[in-house]
Structure formats: C-alpha cells, structure tokens
PDB file of N, CA and C in Angstrom:
ATOM      1  N   MET A   1     -10.792 -11.103   6.717  1.00  0.00           N
ATOM      2  CA  MET A   1     -11.845 -10.399   6.006  1.00  0.00           C
ATOM      3  C   MET A   1     -11.594  -8.900   6.119  1.00  0.00           C
ATOM      4  N   GLN A   2     -11.684  -8.217   5.001  1.00  0.00           N
ATOM      5  CA  GLN A   2     -11.476  -6.774   4.960  1.00  0.00           C
ATOM      6  C   GLN A   2     -12.749  -6.047   5.377  1.00  0.00           C
ATOM      7  N   LYS A   3     -12.589  -4.986   6.120  1.00  0.00           N
ATOM      8  CA  LYS A   3     -13.709  -4.147   6.529  1.00  0.00           C
ATOM      9  C   LYS A   3     -13.426  -2.732   6.051  1.00  0.00           C
ATOM     10  N   SER A   4     -14.469  -1.990   5.727  1.00  0.00           N
ATOM     11  CA  SER A   4     -14.316  -0.648   5.209  1.00  0.00           C
ATOM     12  C   SER A   4     -14.645   0.375   6.289  1.00  0.00           C
ATOM     13  N   PHE A   5     -13.772   1.381   6.441  1.00  0.00           N
ATOM     14  CA  PHE A   5     -14.069   2.517   7.308  1.00  0.00           C
ATOM     15  C   PHE A   5     -14.993   3.414   6.499  1.00  0.00           C
ATOM     16  N   SER A   6     -16.248   3.500   6.883  1.00  0.00           N
ATOM     17  CA  SER A   6     -17.305   4.022   6.019  1.00  0.00           C
ATOM     18  C   SER A   6     -17.158   5.488   5.617  1.00  0.00           C
ATOM     19  N   LEU A   7     -16.457   6.299   6.390  1.00  0.00           N
ATOM     20  CA  LEU A   7     -16.381   7.719   6.066  1.00  0.00           C
ATOM     21  C   LEU A   7     -15.574   7.969   4.793  1.00  0.00           C
ATOM     22  N   THR A   8     -14.507   7.189   4.582  1.00  0.00           N
ATOM     23  CA  THR A   8     -13.651   7.411   3.419  1.00  0.00           C
ATOM     24  C   THR A   8     -13.433   6.161   2.586  1.00  0.00           C
ATOM     25  N   HIS A   9     -14.039   5.064   2.950  1.00  0.00           N
ATOM     26  CA  HIS A   9     -13.885   3.780   2.283  1.00  0.00           C
ATOM     27  C   HIS A   9     -12.428   3.320   2.289  1.00  0.00           C
ATOM     28  N   VAL A  10     -11.769   3.477   3.429  1.00  0.00           N
ATOM     29  CA  VAL A  10     -10.434   2.934   3.635  1.00  0.00           C
ATOM     30  C   VAL A  10     -10.615   1.528   4.179  1.00  0.00           C
ATOM     31  N   ARG A  11      -9.939   0.546   3.556  1.00  0.00           N
ATOM     32  CA  ARG A  11     -10.125  -0.843   3.954  1.00  0.00           C
ATOM     33  C   ARG A  11      -9.029  -1.276   4.925  1.00  0.00           C
ATOM     34  N   TYR A  12      -9.422  -2.070   5.923  1.00  0.00           N
ATOM     35  CA  TYR A  12      -8.492  -2.633   6.893  1.00  0.00           C
ATOM     36  C   TYR A  12      -9.035  -3.991   7.319  1.00  0.00           C
ATOM     37  N   ASP A  13      -8.160  -4.820   7.906  1.00  0.00           N
ATOM     38  CA  ASP A  13      -8.584  -6.137   8.361  1.00  0.00           C
ATOM     39  C   ASP A  13      -9.480  -5.996   9.577  1.00  0.00           C
ATOM     40  N   GLU A  14     -10.592  -6.722   9.572  1.00  0.00           N
ATOM     41  CA  GLU A  14     -11.537  -6.675  10.684  1.00  0.00           C
ATOM     42  C   GLU A  14     -10.862  -7.174  11.955  1.00  0.00           C
ATOM     43  N   GLY A  15     -11.009  -6.431  13.032  1.00  0.00           N
ATOM     44  CA  GLY A  15     -10.394  -6.780  14.303  1.00  0.00           C
ATOM     45  C   GLY A  15      -8.975  -6.266  14.469  1.00  0.00           C
ATOM     46  N   ASP A  16      -8.394  -5.660  13.448  1.00  0.00           N
ATOM     47  CA  ASP A  16      -7.037  -5.125  13.498  1.00  0.00           C
ATOM     48  C   ASP A  16      -7.089  -3.694  14.003  1.00  0.00           C
ATOM     49  N   LEU A  17      -6.687  -3.491  15.248  1.00  0.00           N
ATOM     50  CA  LEU A  17      -6.761  -2.149  15.840  1.00  0.00           C
ATOM     51  C   LEU A  17      -5.756  -1.197  15.205  1.00  0.00           C
ATOM     52  N   LEU A  18      -4.587  -1.711  14.822  1.00  0.00           N
ATOM     53  CA  LEU A  18      -3.613  -0.867  14.147  1.00  0.00           C
ATOM     54  C   LEU A  18      -4.159  -0.397  12.798  1.00  0.00           C
ATOM     55  N   GLY A  19      -4.784  -1.306  12.064  1.00  0.00           N
ATOM     56  CA  GLY A  19      -5.382  -0.951  10.777  1.00  0.00           C
ATOM     57  C   GLY A  19      -6.480   0.083  10.927  1.00  0.00           C
ATOM     58  N   LEU A  20      -7.309  -0.062  11.966  1.00  0.00           N
ATOM     59  CA  LEU A  20      -8.365   0.916  12.227  1.00  0.00           C
ATOM     60  C   LEU A  20      -7.765   2.263  12.572  1.00  0.00           C
ATOM     61  N   GLY A  21      -6.724   2.261  13.396  1.00  0.00           N
ATOM     62  CA  GLY A  21      -6.064   3.523  13.749  1.00  0.00           C
ATOM     63  C   GLY A  21      -5.461   4.216  12.539  1.00  0.00           C
ATOM     64  N   LEU A  22      -4.845   3.427  11.649  1.00  0.00           N
ATOM     65  CA  LEU A  22      -4.265   4.007  10.443  1.00  0.00           C
ATOM     66  C   LEU A  22      -5.344   4.486   9.474  1.00  0.00           C
ATOM     67  N   ALA A  23      -6.495   3.798   9.449  1.00  0.00           N
ATOM     68  CA  ALA A  23      -7.609   4.250   8.608  1.00  0.00           C
ATOM     69  C   ALA A  23      -8.119   5.600   9.090  1.00  0.00           C
ATOM     70  N   ILE A  24      -8.208   5.754  10.400  1.00  0.00           N
ATOM     71  CA  ILE A  24      -8.648   7.037  10.956  1.00  0.00           C
ATOM     72  C   ILE A  24      -7.576   8.109  10.730  1.00  0.00           C
ATOM     73  N   ALA A  25      -6.298   7.726  10.856  1.00  0.00           N
ATOM     74  CA  ALA A  25      -5.208   8.685  10.651  1.00  0.00           C
ATOM     75  C   ALA A  25      -5.153   9.182   9.208  1.00  0.00           C
ATOM     76  N   SER A  26      -5.700   8.408   8.284  1.00  0.00           N
ATOM     77  CA  SER A  26      -5.691   8.853   6.888  1.00  0.00           C
ATOM     78  C   SER A  26      -6.606  10.054   6.665  1.00  0.00           C
ATOM     79  N   LEU A  27      -7.430  10.385   7.659  1.00  0.00           N
ATOM     80  CA  LEU A  27      -8.311  11.554   7.566  1.00  0.00           C
ATOM     81  C   LEU A  27      -7.613  12.857   7.970  1.00  0.00           C
ATOM     82  N   VAL A  28      -6.389  12.776   8.491  1.00  0.00           N
ATOM     83  CA  VAL A  28      -5.693  13.966   8.990  1.00  0.00           C
ATOM     84  C   VAL A  28      -5.526  15.037   7.906  1.00  0.00           C
ATOM     85  N   PRO A  29      -5.090  14.708   6.671  1.00  0.00           N
ATOM     86  CA  PRO A  29      -4.964  15.780   5.676  1.00  0.00           C
ATOM     87  C   PRO A  29      -6.288  16.478   5.362  1.00  0.00           C
ATOM     88  N   ILE A  30      -7.374  15.739   5.333  1.00  0.00           N
ATOM     89  CA  ILE A  30      -8.682  16.333   5.060  1.00  0.00           C
ATOM     90  C   ILE A  30      -9.085  17.258   6.210  1.00  0.00           C
ATOM     91  N   ALA A  31      -8.872  16.808   7.446  1.00  0.00           N
ATOM     92  CA  ALA A  31      -9.196  17.632   8.610  1.00  0.00           C
ATOM     93  C   ALA A  31      -8.318  18.882   8.646  1.00  0.00           C
ATOM     94  N   ALA A  32      -7.053  18.747   8.253  1.00  0.00           N
ATOM     95  CA  ALA A  32      -6.155  19.898   8.244  1.00  0.00           C
ATOM     96  C   ALA A  32      -6.597  20.933   7.220  1.00  0.00           C
ATOM     97  N   ILE A  33      -7.007  20.487   6.044  1.00  0.00           N
ATOM     98  CA  ILE A  33      -7.471  21.420   5.009  1.00  0.00           C
ATOM     99  C   ILE A  33      -8.719  22.160   5.471  1.00  0.00           C
ATOM    100  N   VAL A  34      -9.651  21.439   6.079  1.00  0.00           N
ATOM    101  CA  VAL A  34     -10.891  22.080   6.557  1.00  0.00           C
ATOM    102  C   VAL A  34     -10.588  23.073   7.674  1.00  0.00           C
ATOM    103  N   SER A  35      -9.754  22.668   8.642  1.00  0.00           N
ATOM    104  CA  SER A  35      -9.476  23.570   9.760  1.00  0.00           C
ATOM    105  C   SER A  35      -8.651  24.788   9.312  1.00  0.00           C
ATOM    106  N   LEU A  36      -7.667  24.575   8.427  1.00  0.00           N
ATOM    107  CA  LEU A  36      -6.886  25.716   7.941  1.00  0.00           C
ATOM    108  C   LEU A  36      -7.739  26.649   7.090  1.00  0.00           C
ATOM    109  N   SER A  37      -8.672  26.111   6.320  1.00  0.00           N
ATOM    110  CA  SER A  37      -9.574  26.966   5.543  1.00  0.00           C
ATOM    111  C   SER A  37     -10.419  27.838   6.464  1.00  0.00           C
ATOM    112  N   THR A  38     -10.853  27.278   7.565  1.00  0.00           N
ATOM    113  CA  THR A  38     -11.632  28.046   8.541  1.00  0.00           C
ATOM    114  C   THR A  38     -10.776  29.144   9.169  1.00  0.00           C
ATOM    115  N   ILE A  39      -9.543  28.818   9.518  1.00  0.00           N
ATOM    116  CA  ILE A  39      -8.654  29.816  10.122  1.00  0.00           C
ATOM    117  C   ILE A  39      -8.350  30.935   9.120  1.00  0.00           C
ATOM    118  N   VAL A  40      -8.136  30.576   7.851  1.00  0.00           N
ATOM    119  CA  VAL A  40      -7.872  31.593   6.821  1.00  0.00           C
ATOM    120  C   VAL A  40      -9.081  32.515   6.669  1.00  0.00           C
ATOM    121  N   ALA A  41     -10.286  31.946   6.698  1.00  0.00           N
ATOM    122  CA  ALA A  41     -11.490  32.763   6.546  1.00  0.00           C
ATOM    123  C   ALA A  41     -11.658  33.733   7.710  1.00  0.00           C
ATOM    124  N   VAL A  42     -11.214  33.341   8.898  1.00  0.00           N
ATOM    125  CA  VAL A  42     -11.400  34.186  10.077  1.00  0.00           C
ATOM    126  C   VAL A  42     -10.251  35.178  10.257  1.00  0.00           C
ATOM    127  N   ARG A  43      -8.994  34.718  10.142  1.00  0.00           N
ATOM    128  CA  ARG A  43      -7.846  35.558  10.487  1.00  0.00           C
ATOM    129  C   ARG A  43      -7.136  36.194   9.303  1.00  0.00           C
ATOM    130  N   ARG A  44      -7.126  35.546   8.160  1.00  0.00           N
ATOM    131  CA  ARG A  44      -6.430  36.026   6.960  1.00  0.00           C
ATOM    132  C   ARG A  44      -4.949  36.304   7.224  1.00  0.00           C
ATOM    133  N   ASP A  45      -4.304  35.361   7.890  1.00  0.00           N
ATOM    134  CA  ASP A  45      -2.884  35.446   8.205  1.00  0.00           C
ATOM    135  C   ASP A  45      -2.076  34.874   7.040  1.00  0.00           C
ATOM    136  N   VAL A  46      -0.989  35.546   6.647  1.00  0.00           N
ATOM    137  CA  VAL A  46      -0.185  35.134   5.491  1.00  0.00           C
ATOM    138  C   VAL A  46       0.445  33.763   5.716  1.00  0.00           C
ATOM    139  N   ARG A  47       0.929  33.508   6.918  1.00  0.00           N
ATOM    140  CA  ARG A  47       1.543  32.203   7.201  1.00  0.00           C
ATOM    141  C   ARG A  47       0.529  31.076   7.083  1.00  0.00           C
ATOM    142  N   THR A  48      -0.676  31.301   7.566  1.00  0.00           N
ATOM    143  CA  THR A  48      -1.716  30.279   7.481  1.00  0.00           C
ATOM    144  C   THR A  48      -2.135  30.062   6.034  1.00  0.00           C
ATOM    145  N   ILE A  49      -2.216  31.125   5.270  1.00  0.00           N
ATOM    146  CA  ILE A  49      -2.576  30.999   3.848  1.00  0.00           C
ATOM    147  C   ILE A  49      -1.507  30.214   3.104  1.00  0.00           C
ATOM    148  N   SER A  50      -0.236  30.484   3.391  1.00  0.00           N
ATOM    149  CA  SER A  50       0.838  29.747   2.712  1.00  0.00           C
ATOM    150  C   SER A  50       0.869  28.285   3.153  1.00  0.00           C
ATOM    151  N   LEU A  51       0.580  28.014   4.410  1.00  0.00           N
ATOM    152  CA  LEU A  51       0.504  26.634   4.885  1.00  0.00           C
ATOM    153  C   LEU A  51      -0.633  25.886   4.199  1.00  0.00           C
ATOM    154  N   LEU A  52      -1.787  26.518   4.079  1.00  0.00           N
ATOM    155  CA  LEU A  52      -2.928  25.906   3.386  1.00  0.00           C
ATOM    156  C   LEU A  52      -2.603  25.686   1.915  1.00  0.00           C
ATOM    157  N   GLY A  53      -1.951  26.663   1.289  1.00  0.00           N
ATOM    158  CA  GLY A  53      -1.565  26.509  -0.115  1.00  0.00           C
ATOM    159  C   GLY A  53      -0.585  25.364  -0.313  1.00  0.00           C
ATOM    160  N   GLY A  54       0.396  25.250   0.566  1.00  0.00           N
ATOM    161  CA  GLY A  54       1.355  24.151   0.479  1.00  0.00           C
ATOM    162  C   GLY A  54       0.707  22.801   0.686  1.00  0.00           C
ATOM    163  N   LEU A  55      -0.222  22.720   1.605  1.00  0.00           N
ATOM    164  CA  LEU A  55      -0.940  21.467   1.845  1.00  0.00           C
ATOM    165  C   LEU A  55      -1.781  21.076   0.635  1.00  0.00           C
ATOM    166  N   CYS A  56      -2.434  22.049   0.018  1.00  0.00           N
ATOM    167  CA  CYS A  56      -3.237  21.766  -1.176  1.00  0.00           C
ATOM    168  C   CYS A  56      -2.355  21.346  -2.355  1.00  0.00           C
ATOM    169  N   VAL A  57      -1.202  22.012  -2.527  1.00  0.00           N
ATOM    170  CA  VAL A  57      -0.268  21.624  -3.587  1.00  0.00           C
ATOM    171  C   VAL A  57       0.240  20.208  -3.349  1.00  0.00           C
ATOM    172  N   ASN A  58       0.526  19.867  -2.104  1.00  0.00           N
ATOM    173  CA  ASN A  58       0.980  18.524  -1.763  1.00  0.00           C
ATOM    174  C   ASN A  58      -0.079  17.474  -2.106  1.00  0.00           C
ATOM    175  N   GLU A  59      -1.331  17.740  -1.786  1.00  0.00           N
ATOM    176  CA  GLU A  59      -2.403  16.789  -2.096  1.00  0.00           C
ATOM    177  C   GLU A  59      -2.566  16.605  -3.596  1.00  0.00           C
ATOM    178  N   VAL A  60      -2.502  17.694  -4.346  1.00  0.00           N
ATOM    179  CA  VAL A  60      -2.636  17.604  -5.806  1.00  0.00           C
ATOM    180  C   VAL A  60      -1.447  16.847  -6.402  1.00  0.00           C
ATOM    181  N   LEU A  61      -0.236  17.146  -5.934  1.00  0.00           N
ATOM    182  CA  LEU A  61       0.953  16.458  -6.424  1.00  0.00           C
ATOM    183  C   LEU A  61       0.897  14.960  -6.124  1.00  0.00           C
ATOM    184  N   ASN A  62       0.442  14.594  -4.927  1.00  0.00           N
ATOM    185  CA  ASN A  62       0.300  13.176  -4.581  1.00  0.00           C
ATOM    186  C   ASN A  62      -0.692  12.481  -5.507  1.00  0.00           C
ATOM    187  N   GLU A  63      -1.781  13.134  -5.813  1.00  0.00           N
ATOM    188  CA  GLU A  63      -2.784  12.538  -6.699  1.00  0.00           C
ATOM    189  C   GLU A  63      -2.242  12.375  -8.118  1.00  0.00           C
ATOM    190  N   VAL A  64      -1.517  13.372  -8.605  1.00  0.00           N
ATOM    191  CA  VAL A  64      -0.936  13.286  -9.950  1.00  0.00           C
ATOM    192  C   VAL A  64       0.094  12.159 -10.016  1.00  0.00           C
ATOM    193  N   LEU A  65       0.974  12.086  -9.012  1.00  0.00           N
ATOM    194  CA  LEU A  65       1.989  11.033  -9.009  1.00  0.00           C
ATOM    195  C   LEU A  65       1.370   9.644  -8.891  1.00  0.00           C
ATOM    196  N   LYS A  66       0.291   9.529  -8.131  1.00  0.00           N
ATOM    197  CA  LYS A  66      -0.386   8.240  -8.009  1.00  0.00           C
ATOM    198  C   LYS A  66      -0.952   7.794  -9.353  1.00  0.00           C
ATOM    199  N   ARG A  67      -1.493   8.711 -10.117  1.00  0.00           N
ATOM    200  CA  ARG A  67      -2.040   8.368 -11.431  1.00  0.00           C
ATOM    201  C   ARG A  67      -0.953   8.125 -12.471  1.00  0.00           C
ATOM    202  N   VAL A  68       0.204   8.785 -12.318  1.00  0.00           N
ATOM    203  CA  VAL A  68       1.296   8.593 -13.277  1.00  0.00           C
ATOM    204  C   VAL A  68       1.955   7.222 -13.075  1.00  0.00           C
ATOM    205  N   PHE A  69       2.265   6.857 -11.835  1.00  0.00           N
ATOM    206  CA  PHE A  69       2.992   5.617 -11.583  1.00  0.00           C
ATOM    207  C   PHE A  69       2.109   4.380 -11.637  1.00  0.00           C
ATOM    208  N   LYS A  70       0.856   4.455 -11.190  1.00  0.00           N
ATOM    209  CA  LYS A  70      -0.119   3.354 -11.245  1.00  0.00           C
ATOM    210  C   LYS A  70       0.433   2.043 -10.693  1.00  0.00           C
ATOM    211  N   GLU A  71       1.153   2.105  -9.601  1.00  0.00           N
ATOM    212  CA  GLU A  71       1.686   0.902  -8.969  1.00  0.00           C
ATOM    213  C   GLU A  71       0.599   0.238  -8.124  1.00  0.00           C
ATOM    214  N   PRO A  72       0.507  -1.098  -8.161  1.00  0.00           N
ATOM    215  CA  PRO A  72      -0.483  -1.777  -7.321  1.00  0.00           C
ATOM    216  C   PRO A  72      -0.068  -1.737  -5.848  1.00  0.00           C
ATOM    217  N   ARG A  73      -1.032  -1.845  -4.993  1.00  0.00           N
ATOM    218  CA  ARG A  73      -0.778  -1.877  -3.560  1.00  0.00           C
ATOM    219  C   ARG A  73      -0.110  -3.201  -3.200  1.00  0.00           C
ATOM    220  N   PRO A  74       0.787  -3.200  -2.206  1.00  0.00           N
ATOM    221  CA  PRO A  74       1.387  -4.471  -1.770  1.00  0.00           C
ATOM    222  C   PRO A  74       0.327  -5.333  -1.082  1.00  0.00           C
ATOM    223  N   VAL A  75       0.438  -6.626  -1.274  1.00  0.00           N
ATOM    224  CA  VAL A  75      -0.534  -7.566  -0.709  1.00  0.00           C
ATOM    225  C   VAL A  75       0.165  -8.474   0.287  1.00  0.00           C
ATOM    226  N   GLY A  76      -0.444  -8.657   1.443  1.00  0.00           N
ATOM    227  CA  GLY A  76       0.068  -9.621   2.406  1.00  0.00           C
ATOM    228  C   GLY A  76       1.263  -9.165   3.203  1.00  0.00           C
ATOM    229  N   ILE A  77       1.509  -7.882   3.286  1.00  0.00           N
ATOM    230  CA  ILE A  77       2.626  -7.382   4.084  1.00  0.00           C
ATOM    231  C   ILE A  77       2.086  -6.956   5.448  1.00  0.00           C
ATOM    232  N   TYR A  78       2.579  -7.597   6.492  1.00  0.00           N
ATOM    233  CA  TYR A  78       2.126  -7.312   7.851  1.00  0.00           C
ATOM    234  C   TYR A  78       3.311  -6.903   8.694  1.00  0.00           C
ATOM    235  N   PRO A  79       3.082  -6.108   9.739  1.00  0.00           N
ATOM    236  CA  PRO A  79       4.177  -5.751  10.637  1.00  0.00           C
ATOM    237  C   PRO A  79       4.714  -6.992  11.363  1.00  0.00           C
ATOM    238  N   LEU A  80       5.925  -6.894  11.837  1.00  0.00           N
ATOM    239  CA  LEU A  80       6.557  -8.044  12.501  1.00  0.00           C
ATOM    240  C   LEU A  80       6.076  -8.282  13.900  1.00  0.00           C
ATOM    241  N   PHE A  81       5.345  -7.385  14.504  1.00  0.00           N
ATOM    242  CA  PHE A  81       4.886  -7.584  15.869  1.00  0.00           C
ATOM    243  C   PHE A  81       3.471  -8.074  15.912  1.00  0.00           C
TER     244      PHE A  81
END
C-alpha cells in the first residue's frame, strides 16, 4: 500500500524506511532554495547569488524536460537488498 508524505505528496510504500528517507530527501532542493535566498538577502555575496541562480535554473530546466519527455514512472522496481 502506498503512503503519501504529506508535506510534498511524495508517495512511498508504507513501512519502507528507505522510501521514507528518499521522500524526505526530495525536499533538499526546496530547503536549499529557501536557505540560499535567506543568505542572499542578508549577505548579498556574488558567489551565493550565482549558486542560487544556478539552482533555480536547474529546477526550471528539470521541470521543462519532465514536461517535454512525459515518460511514465517505472513500476515495480525494487532494490536488490
């Protein structure tokens, strides 16, 4: 049975600790954007601004490519361990 991680609606198998960990890890880009935005607002460092810009470009590019290719998610693929 699939369970949803309520903050982002990432689905994982109920009782699967690896799936739960990966669902939580999927929040890393969002947390990075928020934290880098805060650092840019406080310090206005060129390196931090370029890092935030690159991260935002990466997120937009990933979204565009996902909509262009429209490949379905693999079903029933589990790790070997």
